[in-house]
Amino acid sequence: MAATVKYDEVEVGQELPATDYQVRRVNLVMYAGASGDFNPIHWNERFAKTVGLPDVIAHGMFTMAQGGRFVTDWAGDPGAVLDYGVRFSSMVVVPDDDTGATITVSGVVEEKLEDKRVVVGLTAKAGDARVLSKARAVVQLT
């Protein structure tokens, strides 16, 4: 597989349209099973509140994965992402209802590099809170 985005058709400053990712408690339970991270702050409301959290929160790596998903969906090939890093800046609180929380991810092409690579800066928010900071991916285009 190769990226479907062409390097010659991308410009610095080009915005990647925002995408919303719904997060419900069931998603956190599935992620806990896949990752092995069964910390009760991610599934037990009573425990989360006991340790001072407002409610159950999403795993940081789950949140990071939504940013990665955004980039791979844009590029058209998960293998096109050569480097990806973030810092966690806020929690994604996931209420126990039919809606859960929404993580909104958007991006911008920040730099064009040699060898048909680009740097994509990401913004990820839950409500008004920025949940990832310094989120960047280097993507190999065609």
N, C-alpha and C. Protein backbone atom coordinates (compact mmCIF):
# COMPACT_ATOMS: atom_id res chain seq x y z
N MET A 1 0.83 -1.19 0.00
CA MET A 1 0.00 0.00 0.00
C MET A 1 0.87 1.25 0.00
N ALA A 2 0.40 2.29 -0.60
CA ALA A 2 1.11 3.56 -0.60
C ALA A 2 0.11 4.67 -0.31
N ALA A 3 0.63 5.78 0.17
CA ALA A 3 -0.23 6.93 0.45
C ALA A 3 -0.97 7.34 -0.81
N THR A 4 -2.21 7.77 -0.64
CA THR A 4 -2.99 8.22 -1.78
C THR A 4 -2.87 9.72 -2.00
N VAL A 5 -2.28 10.43 -1.05
CA VAL A 5 -2.08 11.87 -1.17
C VAL A 5 -0.77 12.10 -1.92
N LYS A 6 -0.82 13.01 -2.90
CA LYS A 6 0.36 13.29 -3.71
C LYS A 6 1.10 14.51 -3.16
N TYR A 7 2.39 14.35 -3.02
CA TYR A 7 3.26 15.41 -2.47
C TYR A 7 3.10 16.72 -3.25
N ASP A 8 3.04 16.63 -4.58
CA ASP A 8 2.95 17.83 -5.42
C ASP A 8 1.62 18.55 -5.28
N GLU A 9 0.62 17.90 -4.70
CA GLU A 9 -0.70 18.52 -4.54
C GLU A 9 -0.93 19.07 -3.14
N VAL A 10 0.11 19.00 -2.29
CA VAL A 10 0.00 19.47 -0.91
C VAL A 10 0.81 20.74 -0.75
N GLU A 11 0.25 21.70 -0.03
CA GLU A 11 0.94 22.97 0.22
C GLU A 11 1.09 23.21 1.71
N VAL A 12 2.15 23.90 2.09
CA VAL A 12 2.31 24.31 3.49
C VAL A 12 1.15 25.23 3.84
N GLY A 13 0.55 24.99 4.98
CA GLY A 13 -0.61 25.76 5.42
C GLY A 13 -1.94 25.12 5.06
N GLN A 14 -1.89 24.09 4.24
CA GLN A 14 -3.12 23.39 3.85
C GLN A 14 -3.76 22.76 5.08
N GLU A 15 -5.04 23.02 5.27
CA GLU A 15 -5.76 22.48 6.42
C GLU A 15 -6.40 21.15 6.07
N LEU A 16 -6.33 20.24 7.02
CA LEU A 16 -7.01 18.96 6.90
C LEU A 16 -8.31 19.08 7.70
N PRO A 17 -9.45 18.87 7.06
CA PRO A 17 -10.73 19.08 7.74
C PRO A 17 -10.88 18.25 9.02
N ALA A 18 -11.51 18.84 9.99
CA ALA A 18 -11.71 18.19 11.29
C ALA A 18 -12.59 16.96 11.17
N THR A 19 -12.28 15.99 12.01
CA THR A 19 -13.06 14.76 12.11
C THR A 19 -13.40 14.53 13.57
N ASP A 20 -14.63 14.14 13.83
CA ASP A 20 -15.08 13.82 15.19
C ASP A 20 -15.01 12.32 15.43
N TYR A 21 -14.49 11.95 16.60
CA TYR A 21 -14.43 10.56 17.03
C TYR A 21 -15.21 10.44 18.34
N GLN A 22 -16.28 9.66 18.33
CA GLN A 22 -17.08 9.44 19.54
C GLN A 22 -16.37 8.43 20.44
N VAL A 23 -16.40 8.71 21.73
CA VAL A 23 -15.80 7.81 22.71
C VAL A 23 -16.86 7.48 23.75
N ARG A 24 -17.23 6.23 23.81
CA ARG A 24 -18.18 5.77 24.83
C ARG A 24 -17.46 4.83 25.78
N ARG A 25 -18.09 4.55 26.89
CA ARG A 25 -17.46 3.66 27.87
C ARG A 25 -17.11 2.31 27.28
N VAL A 26 -17.94 1.80 26.39
CA VAL A 26 -17.66 0.50 25.79
C VAL A 26 -16.35 0.54 25.01
N ASN A 27 -16.04 1.69 24.37
CA ASN A 27 -14.78 1.83 23.65
C ASN A 27 -13.59 1.73 24.59
N LEU A 28 -13.75 2.27 25.80
CA LEU A 28 -12.67 2.22 26.78
C LEU A 28 -12.46 0.80 27.29
N VAL A 29 -13.55 0.07 27.47
CA VAL A 29 -13.45 -1.32 27.91
C VAL A 29 -12.77 -2.16 26.82
N MET A 30 -13.15 -1.94 25.57
CA MET A 30 -12.51 -2.67 24.47
C MET A 30 -11.02 -2.32 24.39
N TYR A 31 -10.70 -1.03 24.56
CA TYR A 31 -9.30 -0.62 24.50
C TYR A 31 -8.51 -1.24 25.66
N ALA A 32 -9.13 -1.29 26.84
CA ALA A 32 -8.46 -1.90 28.00
C ALA A 32 -8.11 -3.35 27.69
N GLY A 33 -9.03 -4.07 27.07
CA GLY A 33 -8.77 -5.46 26.73
C GLY A 33 -7.67 -5.61 25.71
N ALA A 34 -7.63 -4.70 24.74
CA ALA A 34 -6.61 -4.78 23.69
C ALA A 34 -5.24 -4.36 24.20
N SER A 35 -5.21 -3.38 25.09
CA SER A 35 -3.92 -2.84 25.56
C SER A 35 -3.42 -3.49 26.84
N GLY A 36 -4.33 -4.10 27.58
CA GLY A 36 -3.96 -4.66 28.88
C GLY A 36 -3.96 -3.62 30.00
N ASP A 37 -4.41 -2.40 29.70
CA ASP A 37 -4.44 -1.33 30.69
C ASP A 37 -5.84 -1.30 31.33
N PHE A 38 -5.96 -2.00 32.46
CA PHE A 38 -7.24 -2.09 33.15
C PHE A 38 -7.33 -1.16 34.35
N ASN A 39 -6.57 -0.08 34.34
CA ASN A 39 -6.65 0.90 35.43
C ASN A 39 -8.11 1.30 35.60
N PRO A 40 -8.66 1.21 36.82
CA PRO A 40 -10.08 1.49 37.03
C PRO A 40 -10.51 2.93 36.75
N ILE A 41 -9.57 3.87 36.61
CA ILE A 41 -9.97 5.24 36.26
C ILE A 41 -10.56 5.29 34.86
N HIS A 42 -10.34 4.23 34.07
CA HIS A 42 -10.83 4.20 32.70
C HIS A 42 -12.15 3.45 32.53
N TRP A 43 -12.70 2.91 33.63
CA TRP A 43 -13.97 2.18 33.49
C TRP A 43 -14.85 2.22 34.73
N ASN A 44 -14.31 2.59 35.90
CA ASN A 44 -15.06 2.57 37.14
C ASN A 44 -15.27 4.00 37.66
N GLU A 45 -16.49 4.50 37.47
CA GLU A 45 -16.79 5.88 37.85
C GLU A 45 -16.56 6.13 39.34
N ARG A 46 -16.97 5.21 40.17
CA ARG A 46 -16.81 5.37 41.61
C ARG A 46 -15.33 5.52 41.97
N PHE A 47 -14.49 4.65 41.41
CA PHE A 47 -13.06 4.72 41.69
C PHE A 47 -12.45 6.02 41.15
N ALA A 48 -12.82 6.39 39.93
CA ALA A 48 -12.28 7.61 39.32
C ALA A 48 -12.57 8.83 40.20
N LYS A 49 -13.78 8.91 40.71
CA LYS A 49 -14.14 10.05 41.56
C LYS A 49 -13.43 9.98 42.91
N THR A 50 -13.19 8.78 43.41
CA THR A 50 -12.48 8.61 44.68
C THR A 50 -11.06 9.16 44.60
N VAL A 51 -10.43 9.07 43.43
CA VAL A 51 -9.06 9.57 43.28
C VAL A 51 -9.02 11.00 42.75
N GLY A 52 -10.17 11.68 42.75
CA GLY A 52 -10.22 13.10 42.42
C GLY A 52 -10.52 13.46 40.99
N LEU A 53 -10.86 12.49 40.17
CA LEU A 53 -11.22 12.79 38.78
C LEU A 53 -12.70 13.14 38.69
N PRO A 54 -13.10 13.90 37.68
CA PRO A 54 -14.52 14.26 37.55
C PRO A 54 -15.40 13.09 37.14
N ASP A 55 -14.83 12.09 36.51
CA ASP A 55 -15.54 10.91 36.02
C ASP A 55 -14.50 9.99 35.40
N VAL A 56 -14.94 8.95 34.75
CA VAL A 56 -14.05 8.07 34.01
C VAL A 56 -13.37 8.88 32.91
N ILE A 57 -12.08 8.60 32.67
CA ILE A 57 -11.36 9.30 31.60
C ILE A 57 -10.82 8.28 30.60
N ALA A 58 -10.69 8.73 29.37
CA ALA A 58 -10.13 7.88 28.31
C ALA A 58 -8.64 7.67 28.57
N HIS A 59 -8.14 6.53 28.16
CA HIS A 59 -6.70 6.26 28.20
C HIS A 59 -5.99 7.31 27.34
N GLY A 60 -4.85 7.79 27.81
CA GLY A 60 -4.08 8.73 27.01
C GLY A 60 -3.71 8.15 25.66
N MET A 61 -3.31 6.88 25.66
CA MET A 61 -2.91 6.25 24.40
C MET A 61 -4.10 6.03 23.46
N PHE A 62 -5.30 5.88 24.02
CA PHE A 62 -6.50 5.80 23.19
C PHE A 62 -6.70 7.14 22.48
N THR A 63 -6.53 8.22 23.24
CA THR A 63 -6.68 9.56 22.67
C THR A 63 -5.62 9.79 21.59
N MET A 64 -4.40 9.40 21.88
CA MET A 64 -3.32 9.53 20.90
C MET A 64 -3.64 8.73 19.64
N ALA A 65 -4.22 7.57 19.81
CA ALA A 65 -4.57 6.72 18.67
C ALA A 65 -5.57 7.39 17.74
N GLN A 66 -6.46 8.21 18.29
CA GLN A 66 -7.43 8.90 17.43
C GLN A 66 -6.71 9.90 16.53
N GLY A 67 -5.68 10.56 17.05
CA GLY A 67 -4.87 11.44 16.21
C GLY A 67 -4.15 10.65 15.13
N GLY A 68 -3.61 9.50 15.49
CA GLY A 68 -2.95 8.64 14.50
C GLY A 68 -3.92 8.16 13.44
N ARG A 69 -5.11 7.82 13.87
CA ARG A 69 -6.16 7.38 12.93
C ARG A 69 -6.49 8.49 11.94
N PHE A 70 -6.56 9.73 12.44
CA PHE A 70 -6.84 10.88 11.59
C PHE A 70 -5.79 11.00 10.49
N VAL A 71 -4.52 10.87 10.85
CA VAL A 71 -3.43 11.02 9.89
C VAL A 71 -3.44 9.86 8.89
N THR A 72 -3.62 8.65 9.36
CA THR A 72 -3.61 7.51 8.43
C THR A 72 -4.82 7.55 7.49
N ASP A 73 -5.97 8.01 7.99
CA ASP A 73 -7.13 8.16 7.11
C ASP A 73 -6.85 9.20 6.03
N TRP A 74 -6.20 10.29 6.40
CA TRP A 74 -5.86 11.33 5.42
C TRP A 74 -4.86 10.80 4.40
N ALA A 75 -3.81 10.15 4.87
CA ALA A 75 -2.75 9.67 3.98
C ALA A 75 -3.21 8.51 3.10
N GLY A 76 -4.13 7.70 3.62
CA GLY A 76 -4.62 6.56 2.86
C GLY A 76 -3.82 5.29 3.08
N ASP A 77 -2.82 5.35 3.96
CA ASP A 77 -1.97 4.18 4.22
C ASP A 77 -1.33 4.32 5.59
N PRO A 78 -1.63 3.41 6.52
CA PRO A 78 -1.00 3.49 7.85
C PRO A 78 0.52 3.42 7.79
N GLY A 79 1.06 2.74 6.80
CA GLY A 79 2.51 2.62 6.66
C GLY A 79 3.18 3.90 6.21
N ALA A 80 2.39 4.88 5.79
CA ALA A 80 2.96 6.16 5.34
C ALA A 80 3.38 7.05 6.51
N VAL A 81 2.89 6.75 7.70
CA VAL A 81 3.25 7.55 8.88
C VAL A 81 4.61 7.07 9.37
N LEU A 82 5.62 7.91 9.21
CA LEU A 82 6.99 7.55 9.55
C LEU A 82 7.34 7.88 11.00
N ASP A 83 6.70 8.91 11.53
CA ASP A 83 6.97 9.35 12.90
C ASP A 83 5.72 10.03 13.42
N TYR A 84 5.45 9.83 14.70
CA TYR A 84 4.25 10.42 15.31
C TYR A 84 4.51 10.59 16.80
N GLY A 85 4.27 11.78 17.29
CA GLY A 85 4.45 12.02 18.72
C GLY A 85 3.50 13.09 19.21
N VAL A 86 3.16 12.99 20.49
CA VAL A 86 2.25 13.96 21.12
C VAL A 86 2.68 14.17 22.56
N ARG A 87 2.11 15.19 23.16
CA ARG A 87 2.12 15.36 24.61
C ARG A 87 0.67 15.42 25.05
N PHE A 88 0.40 14.85 26.20
CA PHE A 88 -0.97 14.86 26.71
C PHE A 88 -1.16 16.14 27.51
N SER A 89 -2.22 16.89 27.18
CA SER A 89 -2.40 18.19 27.82
C SER A 89 -3.69 18.30 28.62
N SER A 90 -4.63 17.41 28.41
CA SER A 90 -5.87 17.43 29.18
C SER A 90 -6.54 16.06 29.06
N MET A 91 -7.49 15.83 29.95
CA MET A 91 -8.19 14.54 29.98
C MET A 91 -9.42 14.57 29.08
N VAL A 92 -9.78 13.39 28.59
CA VAL A 92 -11.04 13.22 27.89
C VAL A 92 -11.97 12.52 28.88
N VAL A 93 -12.90 13.29 29.44
CA VAL A 93 -13.87 12.76 30.40
C VAL A 93 -14.99 12.10 29.61
N VAL A 94 -15.31 10.84 29.98
CA VAL A 94 -16.29 10.06 29.22
C VAL A 94 -17.47 9.73 30.13
N PRO A 95 -18.56 10.50 30.00
CA PRO A 95 -19.73 10.23 30.84
C PRO A 95 -20.41 8.91 30.46
N ASP A 96 -21.16 8.37 31.41
CA ASP A 96 -21.87 7.11 31.20
C ASP A 96 -23.26 7.40 30.67
N ASP A 97 -23.31 7.73 29.37
CA ASP A 97 -24.59 7.99 28.71
C ASP A 97 -24.49 7.48 27.27
N ASP A 98 -25.50 7.75 26.47
CA ASP A 98 -25.50 7.25 25.09
C ASP A 98 -24.57 8.04 24.17
N THR A 99 -24.11 9.20 24.62
CA THR A 99 -23.28 10.06 23.79
C THR A 99 -21.80 9.90 24.08
N GLY A 100 -21.44 9.82 25.35
CA GLY A 100 -20.03 9.75 25.73
C GLY A 100 -19.35 11.08 25.51
N ALA A 101 -18.17 11.05 24.94
CA ALA A 101 -17.40 12.26 24.66
C ALA A 101 -17.05 12.28 23.17
N THR A 102 -16.67 13.44 22.71
CA THR A 102 -16.24 13.59 21.33
C THR A 102 -14.82 14.15 21.31
N ILE A 103 -13.94 13.48 20.59
CA ILE A 103 -12.60 14.00 20.34
C ILE A 103 -12.60 14.52 18.91
N THR A 104 -12.31 15.80 18.74
CA THR A 104 -12.27 16.42 17.42
C THR A 104 -10.81 16.64 17.04
N VAL A 105 -10.42 16.07 15.91
CA VAL A 105 -9.04 16.17 15.45
C VAL A 105 -9.02 16.90 14.11
N SER A 106 -8.12 17.86 13.99
CA SER A 106 -7.89 18.55 12.73
C SER A 106 -6.39 18.65 12.51
N GLY A 107 -5.99 19.09 11.34
CA GLY A 107 -4.57 19.15 11.06
C GLY A 107 -4.23 20.23 10.06
N VAL A 108 -2.93 20.48 9.96
CA VAL A 108 -2.42 21.43 8.98
C VAL A 108 -1.04 20.94 8.52
N VAL A 109 -0.78 21.07 7.24
CA VAL A 109 0.53 20.74 6.72
C VAL A 109 1.47 21.87 7.13
N GLU A 110 2.44 21.54 7.96
CA GLU A 110 3.34 22.56 8.51
C GLU A 110 4.62 22.72 7.71
N GLU A 111 5.04 21.65 7.06
CA GLU A 111 6.33 21.70 6.37
C GLU A 111 6.39 20.62 5.31
N LYS A 112 7.05 20.95 4.19
CA LYS A 112 7.35 19.96 3.16
C LYS A 112 8.83 19.64 3.27
N LEU A 113 9.14 18.36 3.38
CA LEU A 113 10.51 17.90 3.54
C LEU A 113 11.00 17.25 2.25
N GLU A 114 12.25 16.81 2.26
CA GLU A 114 12.79 16.07 1.13
C GLU A 114 12.11 14.71 1.00
N ASP A 115 12.32 14.09 -0.12
CA ASP A 115 11.86 12.72 -0.35
C ASP A 115 10.35 12.55 -0.20
N LYS A 116 9.60 13.58 -0.59
CA LYS A 116 8.13 13.54 -0.60
C LYS A 116 7.53 13.28 0.79
N ARG A 117 8.15 13.84 1.81
CA ARG A 117 7.63 13.74 3.17
C ARG A 117 7.07 15.09 3.60
N VAL A 118 6.05 15.06 4.45
CA VAL A 118 5.48 16.28 5.01
C VAL A 118 5.32 16.14 6.52
N VAL A 119 5.32 17.28 7.20
CA VAL A 119 5.04 17.33 8.63
C VAL A 119 3.61 17.84 8.78
N VAL A 120 2.80 17.07 9.49
CA VAL A 120 1.42 17.45 9.75
C VAL A 120 1.29 17.75 11.24
N GLY A 121 0.85 18.96 11.56
CA GLY A 121 0.56 19.32 12.94
C GLY A 121 -0.90 19.04 13.23
N LEU A 122 -1.17 18.47 14.39
CA LEU A 122 -2.54 18.09 14.73
C LEU A 122 -3.06 18.90 15.90
N THR A 123 -4.34 19.13 15.90
CA THR A 123 -5.05 19.70 17.03
C THR A 123 -6.12 18.70 17.43
N ALA A 124 -6.14 18.33 18.70
CA ALA A 124 -7.15 17.39 19.20
C ALA A 124 -7.82 18.02 20.41
N LYS A 125 -9.14 18.10 20.37
CA LYS A 125 -9.90 18.72 21.45
C LYS A 125 -11.04 17.82 21.89
N ALA A 126 -11.37 17.95 23.16
CA ALA A 126 -12.60 17.36 23.72
C ALA A 126 -13.32 18.53 24.35
N GLY A 127 -14.43 18.93 23.75
CA GLY A 127 -15.08 20.16 24.18
C GLY A 127 -14.15 21.32 23.87
N ASP A 128 -13.94 22.19 24.85
CA ASP A 128 -13.05 23.34 24.66
C ASP A 128 -11.61 23.03 25.04
N ALA A 129 -11.37 21.86 25.59
CA ALA A 129 -10.03 21.52 26.09
C ALA A 129 -9.18 20.88 25.00
N ARG A 130 -7.99 21.39 24.85
CA ARG A 130 -7.02 20.77 23.94
C ARG A 130 -6.43 19.56 24.66
N VAL A 131 -6.63 18.36 24.13
CA VAL A 131 -6.25 17.14 24.83
C VAL A 131 -4.88 16.59 24.41
N LEU A 132 -4.40 17.02 23.26
CA LEU A 132 -3.05 16.68 22.81
C LEU A 132 -2.35 17.97 22.45
N SER A 133 -1.09 18.09 22.83
CA SER A 133 -0.30 19.24 22.40
C SER A 133 0.98 18.73 21.75
N LYS A 134 1.60 19.60 20.99
CA LYS A 134 2.82 19.23 20.26
C LYS A 134 2.62 17.94 19.46
N ALA A 135 1.44 17.79 18.92
CA ALA A 135 1.11 16.59 18.13
C ALA A 135 1.59 16.79 16.69
N ARG A 136 2.51 15.94 16.27
CA ARG A 136 3.09 16.05 14.94
C ARG A 136 3.28 14.67 14.33
N ALA A 137 3.10 14.61 13.02
CA ALA A 137 3.36 13.37 12.30
C ALA A 137 4.18 13.69 11.05
N VAL A 138 5.11 12.82 10.74
CA VAL A 138 5.84 12.90 9.47
C VAL A 138 5.25 11.82 8.58
N VAL A 139 4.81 12.23 7.39
CA VAL A 139 4.09 11.33 6.51
C VAL A 139 4.79 11.26 5.16
N GLN A 140 4.98 10.04 4.68
CA GLN A 140 5.56 9.80 3.36
C GLN A 140 4.46 9.80 2.32
N LEU A 141 4.52 10.75 1.39
CA LEU A 141 3.51 10.83 0.34
C LEU A 141 4.05 10.25 -0.96
N THR A 142 3.19 10.17 -1.96
CA THR A 142 3.61 9.64 -3.25
C THR A 142 3.94 10.76 -4.21
